[in-house]
N, C-alpha and C. Protein backbone atom coordinates (compact mmCIF):
# COMPACT_ATOMS: atom_id res chain seq x y z
N UNK A 1 -10.07 7.71 -6.92
CA UNK A 1 -11.37 7.87 -6.30
C UNK A 1 -11.40 9.20 -5.58
N UNK A 2 -12.35 10.00 -5.87
CA UNK A 2 -12.55 11.23 -5.12
C UNK A 2 -13.21 10.83 -3.80
N UNK A 3 -12.87 11.53 -2.78
CA UNK A 3 -13.44 11.19 -1.47
C UNK A 3 -14.96 11.16 -1.57
N UNK A 4 -15.54 10.04 -1.21
CA UNK A 4 -16.98 9.80 -1.20
C UNK A 4 -17.59 9.81 -2.60
N UNK A 5 -16.80 9.84 -3.62
CA UNK A 5 -17.33 9.90 -4.97
C UNK A 5 -17.22 8.59 -5.70
N UNK A 6 -17.23 8.68 -7.00
CA UNK A 6 -17.14 7.51 -7.86
C UNK A 6 -15.72 6.96 -7.85
N UNK A 7 -15.59 5.66 -7.90
CA UNK A 7 -14.28 5.03 -7.92
C UNK A 7 -13.70 5.13 -9.32
N UNK A 8 -12.47 5.55 -9.41
CA UNK A 8 -11.78 5.65 -10.69
C UNK A 8 -11.47 4.23 -11.18
N UNK A 9 -11.78 3.94 -12.43
CA UNK A 9 -11.56 2.58 -12.94
C UNK A 9 -10.08 2.21 -13.01
N UNK A 10 -9.19 3.20 -12.94
CA UNK A 10 -7.76 2.91 -12.94
C UNK A 10 -7.31 2.30 -11.61
N UNK A 11 -8.09 2.51 -10.56
CA UNK A 11 -7.76 1.94 -9.26
C UNK A 11 -8.47 0.60 -9.13
N UNK A 12 -8.01 -0.36 -9.90
CA UNK A 12 -8.67 -1.66 -10.03
C UNK A 12 -8.69 -2.46 -8.74
N UNK A 13 -7.85 -2.11 -7.77
CA UNK A 13 -7.81 -2.86 -6.52
C UNK A 13 -8.97 -2.49 -5.59
N UNK A 14 -9.69 -1.40 -5.91
CA UNK A 14 -10.92 -1.07 -5.20
C UNK A 14 -12.03 -1.68 -6.05
N UNK A 15 -12.55 -2.81 -5.64
CA UNK A 15 -13.39 -3.61 -6.51
C UNK A 15 -14.59 -4.21 -5.80
N UNK A 16 -15.60 -4.47 -6.58
CA UNK A 16 -16.76 -5.18 -6.04
C UNK A 16 -16.49 -6.67 -5.95
N UNK A 17 -15.43 -7.11 -6.61
CA UNK A 17 -15.10 -8.53 -6.69
C UNK A 17 -13.87 -8.85 -5.86
N UNK A 18 -13.83 -8.38 -4.63
CA UNK A 18 -12.69 -8.65 -3.76
C UNK A 18 -12.62 -10.15 -3.50
N UNK A 19 -11.46 -10.71 -3.78
CA UNK A 19 -11.26 -12.15 -3.62
C UNK A 19 -11.29 -12.53 -2.15
N UNK A 20 -11.69 -13.75 -1.89
CA UNK A 20 -11.75 -14.23 -0.51
C UNK A 20 -10.42 -14.88 -0.14
N UNK A 21 -9.34 -14.22 -0.44
CA UNK A 21 -8.02 -14.72 -0.07
C UNK A 21 -7.76 -14.42 1.40
N UNK A 22 -6.84 -15.18 1.96
CA UNK A 22 -6.49 -14.93 3.35
C UNK A 22 -5.78 -13.59 3.49
N UNK A 23 -4.79 -13.36 2.68
CA UNK A 23 -4.03 -12.11 2.71
C UNK A 23 -4.15 -11.43 1.36
N UNK A 24 -4.87 -10.32 1.33
CA UNK A 24 -5.07 -9.62 0.07
C UNK A 24 -4.95 -8.12 0.31
N UNK A 25 -4.66 -7.41 -0.76
CA UNK A 25 -4.62 -5.95 -0.71
C UNK A 25 -5.82 -5.35 -1.41
N UNK A 26 -6.70 -6.20 -1.92
CA UNK A 26 -7.90 -5.70 -2.59
C UNK A 26 -8.83 -5.06 -1.56
N UNK A 27 -9.47 -3.99 -1.98
CA UNK A 27 -10.38 -3.25 -1.11
C UNK A 27 -11.79 -3.37 -1.67
N UNK A 28 -12.72 -3.94 -0.92
CA UNK A 28 -14.10 -3.99 -1.41
C UNK A 28 -14.65 -2.56 -1.57
N UNK A 29 -15.31 -2.32 -2.68
CA UNK A 29 -15.81 -0.98 -2.97
C UNK A 29 -16.79 -0.51 -1.90
N UNK A 30 -17.59 -1.43 -1.38
CA UNK A 30 -18.54 -1.06 -0.32
C UNK A 30 -17.80 -0.54 0.92
N UNK A 31 -16.66 -1.14 1.24
CA UNK A 31 -15.87 -0.70 2.39
C UNK A 31 -15.26 0.67 2.12
N UNK A 32 -14.75 0.88 0.91
CA UNK A 32 -14.13 2.16 0.56
C UNK A 32 -15.15 3.29 0.62
N UNK A 33 -16.37 3.02 0.17
CA UNK A 33 -17.41 4.04 0.20
C UNK A 33 -17.95 4.27 1.61
N UNK A 34 -18.06 3.19 2.38
CA UNK A 34 -18.65 3.28 3.71
C UNK A 34 -17.72 3.99 4.69
N UNK A 35 -16.43 3.70 4.59
CA UNK A 35 -15.46 4.21 5.56
C UNK A 35 -15.14 5.67 5.26
N UNK A 36 -15.84 6.59 5.93
CA UNK A 36 -15.64 8.00 5.64
C UNK A 36 -14.92 8.75 6.76
N UNK A 37 -14.43 8.04 7.75
CA UNK A 37 -13.69 8.67 8.83
C UNK A 37 -12.20 8.53 8.55
N UNK A 38 -11.63 9.57 7.94
CA UNK A 38 -10.23 9.52 7.53
C UNK A 38 -9.30 9.27 8.71
N UNK A 39 -9.52 9.94 9.83
CA UNK A 39 -8.61 9.78 10.96
C UNK A 39 -8.63 8.35 11.50
N UNK A 40 -9.78 7.70 11.48
CA UNK A 40 -9.87 6.31 11.92
C UNK A 40 -9.06 5.40 11.00
N UNK A 41 -9.19 5.62 9.69
CA UNK A 41 -8.45 4.80 8.73
C UNK A 41 -6.95 5.03 8.87
N UNK A 42 -6.54 6.29 9.08
CA UNK A 42 -5.11 6.57 9.29
C UNK A 42 -4.59 5.84 10.52
N UNK A 43 -5.37 5.81 11.59
CA UNK A 43 -4.96 5.07 12.78
C UNK A 43 -4.78 3.59 12.47
N UNK A 44 -5.65 3.06 11.64
CA UNK A 44 -5.55 1.65 11.27
C UNK A 44 -4.32 1.41 10.40
N UNK A 45 -4.00 2.35 9.52
CA UNK A 45 -2.77 2.23 8.71
C UNK A 45 -1.56 2.15 9.63
N UNK A 46 -1.51 3.00 10.65
CA UNK A 46 -0.37 2.96 11.58
C UNK A 46 -0.40 1.71 12.44
N UNK A 47 -1.57 1.21 12.78
CA UNK A 47 -1.66 -0.06 13.50
C UNK A 47 -1.09 -1.19 12.63
N UNK A 48 -1.42 -1.16 11.33
CA UNK A 48 -0.87 -2.14 10.38
C UNK A 48 0.66 -2.08 10.40
N UNK A 49 1.21 -0.86 10.34
CA UNK A 49 2.67 -0.70 10.35
C UNK A 49 3.28 -1.29 11.61
N UNK A 50 2.73 -0.95 12.76
CA UNK A 50 3.29 -1.45 14.02
C UNK A 50 3.20 -2.97 14.13
N UNK A 51 2.09 -3.53 13.67
CA UNK A 51 1.90 -4.98 13.83
C UNK A 51 2.61 -5.80 12.76
N UNK A 52 2.71 -5.28 11.54
CA UNK A 52 3.25 -6.07 10.44
C UNK A 52 4.71 -5.74 10.09
N UNK A 53 5.13 -4.51 10.28
CA UNK A 53 6.43 -4.09 9.77
C UNK A 53 7.42 -3.74 10.88
N UNK A 54 7.01 -2.87 11.78
CA UNK A 54 7.96 -2.30 12.76
C UNK A 54 8.69 -3.36 13.57
N UNK A 55 8.00 -4.36 14.05
CA UNK A 55 8.64 -5.36 14.89
C UNK A 55 9.02 -6.63 14.16
N UNK A 56 8.96 -6.61 12.85
CA UNK A 56 9.24 -7.80 12.04
C UNK A 56 10.75 -7.99 11.91
N UNK A 57 11.29 -8.92 12.68
CA UNK A 57 12.75 -9.16 12.68
C UNK A 57 13.26 -9.73 11.36
N UNK A 58 12.37 -10.27 10.53
CA UNK A 58 12.79 -10.83 9.24
C UNK A 58 13.09 -9.74 8.22
N UNK A 59 12.68 -8.51 8.50
CA UNK A 59 12.90 -7.39 7.57
C UNK A 59 14.17 -6.64 7.92
N UNK A 60 14.82 -6.12 6.91
CA UNK A 60 15.97 -5.26 7.13
C UNK A 60 15.49 -3.92 7.69
N UNK A 61 16.40 -3.18 8.28
CA UNK A 61 16.03 -1.87 8.81
C UNK A 61 15.60 -0.93 7.68
N UNK A 62 16.21 -1.06 6.52
CA UNK A 62 15.82 -0.23 5.39
C UNK A 62 14.39 -0.53 4.98
N UNK A 63 14.02 -1.80 4.95
CA UNK A 63 12.65 -2.18 4.59
C UNK A 63 11.66 -1.63 5.63
N UNK A 64 12.02 -1.66 6.89
CA UNK A 64 11.13 -1.11 7.93
C UNK A 64 10.97 0.39 7.76
N UNK A 65 12.07 1.04 7.43
CA UNK A 65 12.04 2.49 7.25
C UNK A 65 11.21 2.87 6.02
N UNK A 66 11.37 2.13 4.94
CA UNK A 66 10.58 2.37 3.73
C UNK A 66 9.11 2.05 4.01
N UNK A 67 8.84 1.03 4.80
CA UNK A 67 7.47 0.73 5.22
C UNK A 67 6.85 1.90 5.97
N UNK A 68 7.65 2.54 6.82
CA UNK A 68 7.19 3.74 7.51
C UNK A 68 6.83 4.83 6.52
N UNK A 69 7.70 5.02 5.51
CA UNK A 69 7.45 6.06 4.50
C UNK A 69 6.17 5.76 3.71
N UNK A 70 5.94 4.49 3.40
CA UNK A 70 4.72 4.12 2.69
C UNK A 70 3.48 4.48 3.51
N UNK A 71 3.52 4.21 4.80
CA UNK A 71 2.39 4.54 5.67
C UNK A 71 2.22 6.04 5.81
N UNK A 72 3.32 6.74 5.90
CA UNK A 72 3.26 8.19 6.03
C UNK A 72 2.62 8.83 4.79
N UNK A 73 2.88 8.27 3.64
CA UNK A 73 2.38 8.84 2.38
C UNK A 73 1.13 8.13 1.86
N UNK A 74 0.53 7.23 2.64
CA UNK A 74 -0.68 6.51 2.24
C UNK A 74 -1.81 7.50 2.03
N UNK A 75 -2.59 7.28 0.94
CA UNK A 75 -3.66 8.21 0.59
C UNK A 75 -5.02 7.53 0.64
N UNK A 76 -5.94 8.22 1.25
CA UNK A 76 -7.32 7.74 1.41
C UNK A 76 -8.02 7.62 0.05
N UNK A 77 -7.74 8.53 -0.86
CA UNK A 77 -8.44 8.56 -2.15
C UNK A 77 -8.16 7.33 -3.00
N UNK A 78 -6.98 6.77 -2.88
CA UNK A 78 -6.60 5.61 -3.69
C UNK A 78 -6.39 4.35 -2.86
N UNK A 79 -6.44 4.46 -1.55
CA UNK A 79 -6.15 3.35 -0.64
C UNK A 79 -4.78 2.76 -0.96
N UNK A 80 -3.84 3.64 -1.26
CA UNK A 80 -2.49 3.20 -1.61
C UNK A 80 -1.50 4.32 -1.32
N UNK A 81 -0.25 4.00 -1.48
CA UNK A 81 0.81 4.99 -1.45
C UNK A 81 1.41 4.98 -2.85
N UNK A 82 1.51 6.12 -3.48
CA UNK A 82 1.92 6.08 -4.89
C UNK A 82 2.91 7.17 -5.29
N UNK A 83 3.81 7.49 -4.40
CA UNK A 83 4.86 8.43 -4.76
C UNK A 83 5.97 7.71 -5.53
N UNK A 84 6.79 8.49 -6.18
CA UNK A 84 7.92 7.93 -6.94
C UNK A 84 8.96 7.37 -5.96
N UNK A 85 9.68 6.37 -6.42
CA UNK A 85 10.73 5.78 -5.59
C UNK A 85 11.78 6.82 -5.23
N UNK A 86 12.07 7.72 -6.14
CA UNK A 86 13.04 8.78 -5.83
C UNK A 86 12.53 9.68 -4.70
N UNK A 87 11.21 9.86 -4.60
CA UNK A 87 10.65 10.64 -3.50
C UNK A 87 10.87 9.91 -2.17
N UNK A 88 10.60 8.60 -2.15
CA UNK A 88 10.83 7.82 -0.92
C UNK A 88 12.31 7.85 -0.56
N UNK A 89 13.18 7.85 -1.56
CA UNK A 89 14.62 7.91 -1.30
C UNK A 89 14.98 9.24 -0.63
N UNK A 90 14.43 10.33 -1.12
CA UNK A 90 14.70 11.63 -0.51
C UNK A 90 14.09 11.71 0.89
N UNK A 91 12.90 11.17 1.03
CA UNK A 91 12.19 11.22 2.31
C UNK A 91 12.93 10.46 3.40
N UNK A 92 13.54 9.33 3.03
CA UNK A 92 14.21 8.49 4.02
C UNK A 92 15.73 8.66 4.03
N UNK A 93 16.27 9.46 3.12
CA UNK A 93 17.72 9.66 2.98
C UNK A 93 18.43 8.33 2.72
N UNK A 94 17.79 7.49 1.90
CA UNK A 94 18.34 6.20 1.51
C UNK A 94 18.50 6.21 0.00
N UNK A 95 19.51 5.55 -0.50
CA UNK A 95 19.75 5.48 -1.94
C UNK A 95 18.52 4.90 -2.66
N UNK A 96 18.25 5.41 -3.86
CA UNK A 96 17.09 4.98 -4.64
C UNK A 96 17.10 3.47 -4.89
N UNK A 97 18.26 2.91 -5.19
CA UNK A 97 18.35 1.47 -5.43
C UNK A 97 18.06 0.68 -4.14
N UNK A 98 18.49 1.20 -3.02
CA UNK A 98 18.20 0.55 -1.73
C UNK A 98 16.71 0.59 -1.44
N UNK A 99 16.05 1.69 -1.80
CA UNK A 99 14.59 1.77 -1.62
C UNK A 99 13.91 0.73 -2.50
N UNK A 100 14.39 0.57 -3.73
CA UNK A 100 13.83 -0.45 -4.62
C UNK A 100 13.99 -1.85 -4.05
N UNK A 101 15.16 -2.13 -3.48
CA UNK A 101 15.37 -3.44 -2.85
C UNK A 101 14.47 -3.62 -1.63
N UNK A 102 14.29 -2.56 -0.86
CA UNK A 102 13.43 -2.63 0.32
C UNK A 102 11.97 -2.89 -0.09
N UNK A 103 11.52 -2.24 -1.15
CA UNK A 103 10.16 -2.48 -1.65
C UNK A 103 10.01 -3.92 -2.12
N UNK A 104 11.03 -4.44 -2.80
CA UNK A 104 10.99 -5.84 -3.25
C UNK A 104 10.95 -6.77 -2.04
N UNK A 105 11.69 -6.44 -0.98
CA UNK A 105 11.69 -7.24 0.23
C UNK A 105 10.31 -7.24 0.90
N UNK A 106 9.69 -6.07 0.98
CA UNK A 106 8.35 -5.98 1.56
C UNK A 106 7.34 -6.78 0.73
N UNK A 107 7.52 -6.74 -0.58
CA UNK A 107 6.64 -7.48 -1.48
C UNK A 107 6.85 -8.99 -1.33
N UNK A 108 8.10 -9.42 -1.27
CA UNK A 108 8.41 -10.85 -1.12
C UNK A 108 7.89 -11.41 0.20
N UNK A 109 7.88 -10.57 1.23
CA UNK A 109 7.37 -10.99 2.54
C UNK A 109 5.84 -11.00 2.57
N UNK A 110 5.22 -10.54 1.50
CA UNK A 110 3.75 -10.52 1.43
C UNK A 110 3.11 -9.39 2.20
N UNK A 111 3.86 -8.33 2.45
CA UNK A 111 3.33 -7.20 3.22
C UNK A 111 2.73 -6.11 2.34
N UNK A 112 3.24 -5.99 1.13
CA UNK A 112 2.69 -5.01 0.18
C UNK A 112 2.52 -5.66 -1.18
N UNK A 113 1.66 -5.07 -1.98
CA UNK A 113 1.56 -5.40 -3.40
C UNK A 113 2.06 -4.19 -4.16
N UNK A 114 2.82 -4.43 -5.21
CA UNK A 114 3.24 -3.37 -6.11
C UNK A 114 2.41 -3.55 -7.37
N UNK A 115 1.62 -2.53 -7.71
CA UNK A 115 0.70 -2.64 -8.85
C UNK A 115 0.85 -1.42 -9.75
N UNK A 116 0.41 -1.58 -10.98
CA UNK A 116 0.38 -0.46 -11.92
C UNK A 116 -1.04 0.07 -12.02
N UNK A 117 -1.15 1.37 -12.07
CA UNK A 117 -2.46 2.00 -12.21
C UNK A 117 -3.02 1.65 -13.59
N UNK A 118 -4.26 1.21 -13.61
CA UNK A 118 -4.94 0.91 -14.87
C UNK A 118 -4.66 -0.47 -15.43
N UNK A 119 -3.71 -1.20 -14.88
CA UNK A 119 -3.38 -2.54 -15.36
C UNK A 119 -3.52 -3.53 -14.20
N UNK A 120 -4.54 -4.39 -14.27
CA UNK A 120 -4.78 -5.30 -13.13
C UNK A 120 -3.77 -6.44 -13.04
N UNK A 121 -2.55 -6.08 -12.66
CA UNK A 121 -1.54 -7.10 -12.42
C UNK A 121 -0.60 -6.63 -11.33
N UNK A 122 -0.01 -7.59 -10.65
CA UNK A 122 0.96 -7.30 -9.60
C UNK A 122 2.36 -7.43 -10.16
N UNK A 123 3.26 -6.60 -9.64
CA UNK A 123 4.67 -6.68 -10.01
C UNK A 123 5.43 -7.33 -8.87
N UNK A 124 6.46 -8.05 -9.22
CA UNK A 124 7.28 -8.68 -8.17
C UNK A 124 8.23 -7.67 -7.55
N UNK A 125 8.67 -6.72 -8.35
CA UNK A 125 9.51 -5.64 -7.85
C UNK A 125 9.17 -4.40 -8.66
N UNK A 126 9.61 -3.28 -8.18
CA UNK A 126 9.30 -2.03 -8.85
C UNK A 126 10.04 -1.96 -10.18
N UNK A 127 9.33 -1.58 -11.21
CA UNK A 127 9.91 -1.46 -12.55
C UNK A 127 9.70 -0.06 -13.07
N UNK A 128 10.52 0.34 -14.02
CA UNK A 128 10.36 1.67 -14.59
C UNK A 128 9.14 1.70 -15.51
N UNK A 129 8.55 2.85 -15.62
CA UNK A 129 7.39 3.03 -16.48
C UNK A 129 6.09 2.75 -15.76
N UNK A 130 5.10 3.56 -16.06
CA UNK A 130 3.79 3.38 -15.45
C UNK A 130 3.73 3.98 -14.06
N UNK A 131 2.53 4.33 -13.63
CA UNK A 131 2.35 4.87 -12.29
C UNK A 131 2.11 3.72 -11.33
N UNK A 132 3.06 3.57 -10.39
CA UNK A 132 3.00 2.46 -9.45
C UNK A 132 2.27 2.87 -8.17
N UNK A 133 1.56 1.91 -7.63
CA UNK A 133 0.90 2.08 -6.34
C UNK A 133 1.39 0.96 -5.43
N UNK A 134 1.54 1.27 -4.16
CA UNK A 134 1.97 0.30 -3.17
C UNK A 134 0.80 0.09 -2.22
N UNK A 135 0.27 -1.13 -2.23
CA UNK A 135 -0.92 -1.46 -1.45
C UNK A 135 -0.53 -2.24 -0.20
N UNK A 136 -1.18 -1.93 0.90
CA UNK A 136 -0.90 -2.59 2.17
C UNK A 136 -1.75 -3.85 2.28
N UNK A 137 -1.11 -4.99 2.36
CA UNK A 137 -1.81 -6.27 2.42
C UNK A 137 -2.46 -6.44 3.80
N UNK A 138 -3.74 -6.75 3.80
CA UNK A 138 -4.46 -6.98 5.04
C UNK A 138 -5.14 -5.75 5.62
N UNK A 139 -4.99 -4.61 4.98
CA UNK A 139 -5.57 -3.38 5.51
C UNK A 139 -7.10 -3.45 5.56
N UNK A 140 -7.72 -3.99 4.52
CA UNK A 140 -9.19 -4.08 4.49
C UNK A 140 -9.70 -4.91 5.67
N UNK A 141 -9.01 -5.98 6.02
CA UNK A 141 -9.43 -6.82 7.15
C UNK A 141 -9.38 -6.01 8.46
N UNK A 142 -8.36 -5.20 8.62
CA UNK A 142 -8.25 -4.39 9.83
C UNK A 142 -9.34 -3.32 9.89
N UNK A 143 -9.68 -2.74 8.75
CA UNK A 143 -10.72 -1.72 8.72
C UNK A 143 -12.08 -2.31 9.06
N UNK A 144 -12.32 -3.54 8.60
CA UNK A 144 -13.60 -4.21 8.87
C UNK A 144 -13.82 -4.49 10.36
N UNK A 145 -12.72 -4.69 11.10
CA UNK A 145 -12.85 -5.07 12.52
C UNK A 145 -13.49 -4.00 13.36
């Protein structure tokens, strides 16, 4: 999605048909188009990190650190973080396999969704092939508040 422009059909999680689930990473298209204050949304992303990840004792320190990296690299245009796992490994100075395990841990805890661009399905853990996006679960609810 270009800022304030048309939504790219490959970003299927930005949808007019956002499910009424309790915890979802889907972003209603009306919200994505309406919310044009980037700094406000960034503040909400960091609020999400502090409330959901930073103090979560059930997560390993590596998962918390990778959660920080996801928030740091979160992009307004796609409402996701979509760098390569090797990039997160370099960014956090953690082994690539450890980053993969941390992403799987965040996913299992229901804090992120791992999705493929252009394919409306969720992955349980990061897999090779395809452009992956990491979506923050519950972010749309925080933006609405």
